[in-house]
Amino acid sequence: MVCPKTLYFFSFCIKTKIVFDYPTTLKGTGRLVDLCKHYEGTQYLSGISGKQYLDRELFREYGIDLVFQEDDKTDKRALVELL
């Protein structure tokens, strides 16, 4: 399989741009909000468990829409089955 200008990941052609992280002392929700701001993100998609630990107000304060994936809408099949 030839994928010019893409990244091989478990033999799949992934065309999403991969960027390297940058150093910071931020942790937790602050780190996630900082990443969104740094890359001009306007929305953060979290798993359902994020409702238990993410600081929703911090996302709201910076105008970042926090969306939780609903568990009942999750396709539980393996990635290989979906392809």
Protein backbone atom coordinates (compact mmCIF):
# COMPACT_ATOMS: atom_id res chain seq x y z
CA MET A 1 0.00 0.00 0.00
CA VAL A 2 1.50 3.34 -1.02
CA CYS A 3 0.33 6.47 0.78
CA PRO A 4 2.32 9.47 -0.40
CA LYS A 5 2.51 12.31 2.10
CA THR A 6 0.58 10.32 4.71
CA LEU A 7 1.45 8.39 7.85
CA TYR A 8 1.27 4.63 8.06
CA PHE A 9 -0.55 3.59 11.21
CA PHE A 10 -1.28 -0.11 11.61
CA SER A 11 -1.18 -0.44 7.80
CA PHE A 12 -3.89 2.21 7.26
CA CYS A 13 -3.37 5.38 5.28
CA ILE A 14 -3.99 8.20 7.73
CA LYS A 15 -4.17 11.58 6.01
CA THR A 16 -4.74 13.64 9.14
CA LYS A 17 -1.93 16.10 9.77
CA ILE A 18 0.19 14.98 12.71
CA VAL A 19 1.84 17.74 14.76
CA PHE A 20 4.32 17.47 17.58
CA ASP A 21 3.38 18.60 21.05
CA TYR A 22 5.00 21.60 22.70
CA PRO A 23 6.42 21.82 26.24
CA THR A 24 4.20 23.17 29.01
CA THR A 25 3.65 22.82 32.73
CA LEU A 26 -0.14 22.81 32.37
CA LYS A 27 -2.07 19.70 33.41
CA GLY A 28 -5.62 18.36 33.12
CA THR A 29 -8.36 20.56 31.68
CA GLY A 30 -6.03 23.55 31.51
CA ARG A 31 -3.74 21.60 29.18
CA LEU A 32 -6.64 20.57 26.92
CA VAL A 33 -7.95 24.14 26.71
CA ASP A 34 -4.44 25.40 25.95
CA LEU A 35 -4.08 22.88 23.10
CA CYS A 36 -7.44 23.96 21.66
CA LYS A 37 -6.41 27.62 21.82
CA HIS A 38 -2.95 26.95 20.39
CA TYR A 39 -4.34 25.13 17.34
CA GLU A 40 -7.37 27.44 17.03
CA GLY A 41 -9.82 24.70 17.96
CA THR A 42 -13.39 25.72 18.67
CA GLN A 43 -14.71 22.36 19.86
CA TYR A 44 -13.38 19.56 22.07
CA LEU A 45 -14.87 16.07 21.81
CA SER A 46 -14.57 14.01 24.98
CA GLY A 47 -15.58 10.52 25.89
CA ILE A 48 -18.56 10.13 28.20
CA SER A 49 -16.32 9.74 31.27
CA GLY A 50 -15.03 13.30 30.79
CA LYS A 51 -18.25 14.48 32.45
CA GLN A 52 -16.74 13.26 35.72
CA TYR A 53 -13.48 15.19 35.65
CA LEU A 54 -13.32 17.97 33.03
CA ASP A 55 -13.79 21.58 34.14
CA ARG A 56 -16.65 22.62 31.84
CA GLU A 57 -16.47 26.25 32.97
CA LEU A 58 -12.87 26.55 31.78
CA PHE A 59 -13.86 25.47 28.27
CA ARG A 60 -16.81 27.89 28.35
CA GLU A 61 -14.58 30.73 29.56
CA TYR A 62 -12.41 30.38 26.45
CA GLY A 63 -15.30 29.91 24.03
CA ILE A 64 -14.55 26.25 23.32
CA ASP A 65 -17.58 24.05 22.81
CA LEU A 66 -17.23 20.92 24.97
CA VAL A 67 -19.07 17.94 23.49
CA PHE A 68 -19.43 14.56 25.19
CA GLN A 69 -19.74 11.43 23.09
CA GLU A 70 -22.88 9.62 24.16
CA ASP A 71 -22.14 6.04 25.12
CA ASP A 72 -25.29 4.62 23.52
CA LYS A 73 -24.26 6.09 20.15
CA THR A 74 -20.80 4.54 20.20
CA ASP A 75 -20.10 1.81 17.68
CA LYS A 76 -18.43 -0.88 19.77
CA ARG A 77 -17.16 -2.94 16.85
CA ALA A 78 -13.44 -3.32 16.35
CA LEU A 79 -11.75 -0.90 13.95
CA VAL A 80 -11.02 -3.75 11.55
CA GLU A 81 -14.73 -4.60 11.36
CA LEU A 82 -15.57 -1.01 10.46
CA LEU A 83 -13.14 -0.93 7.57
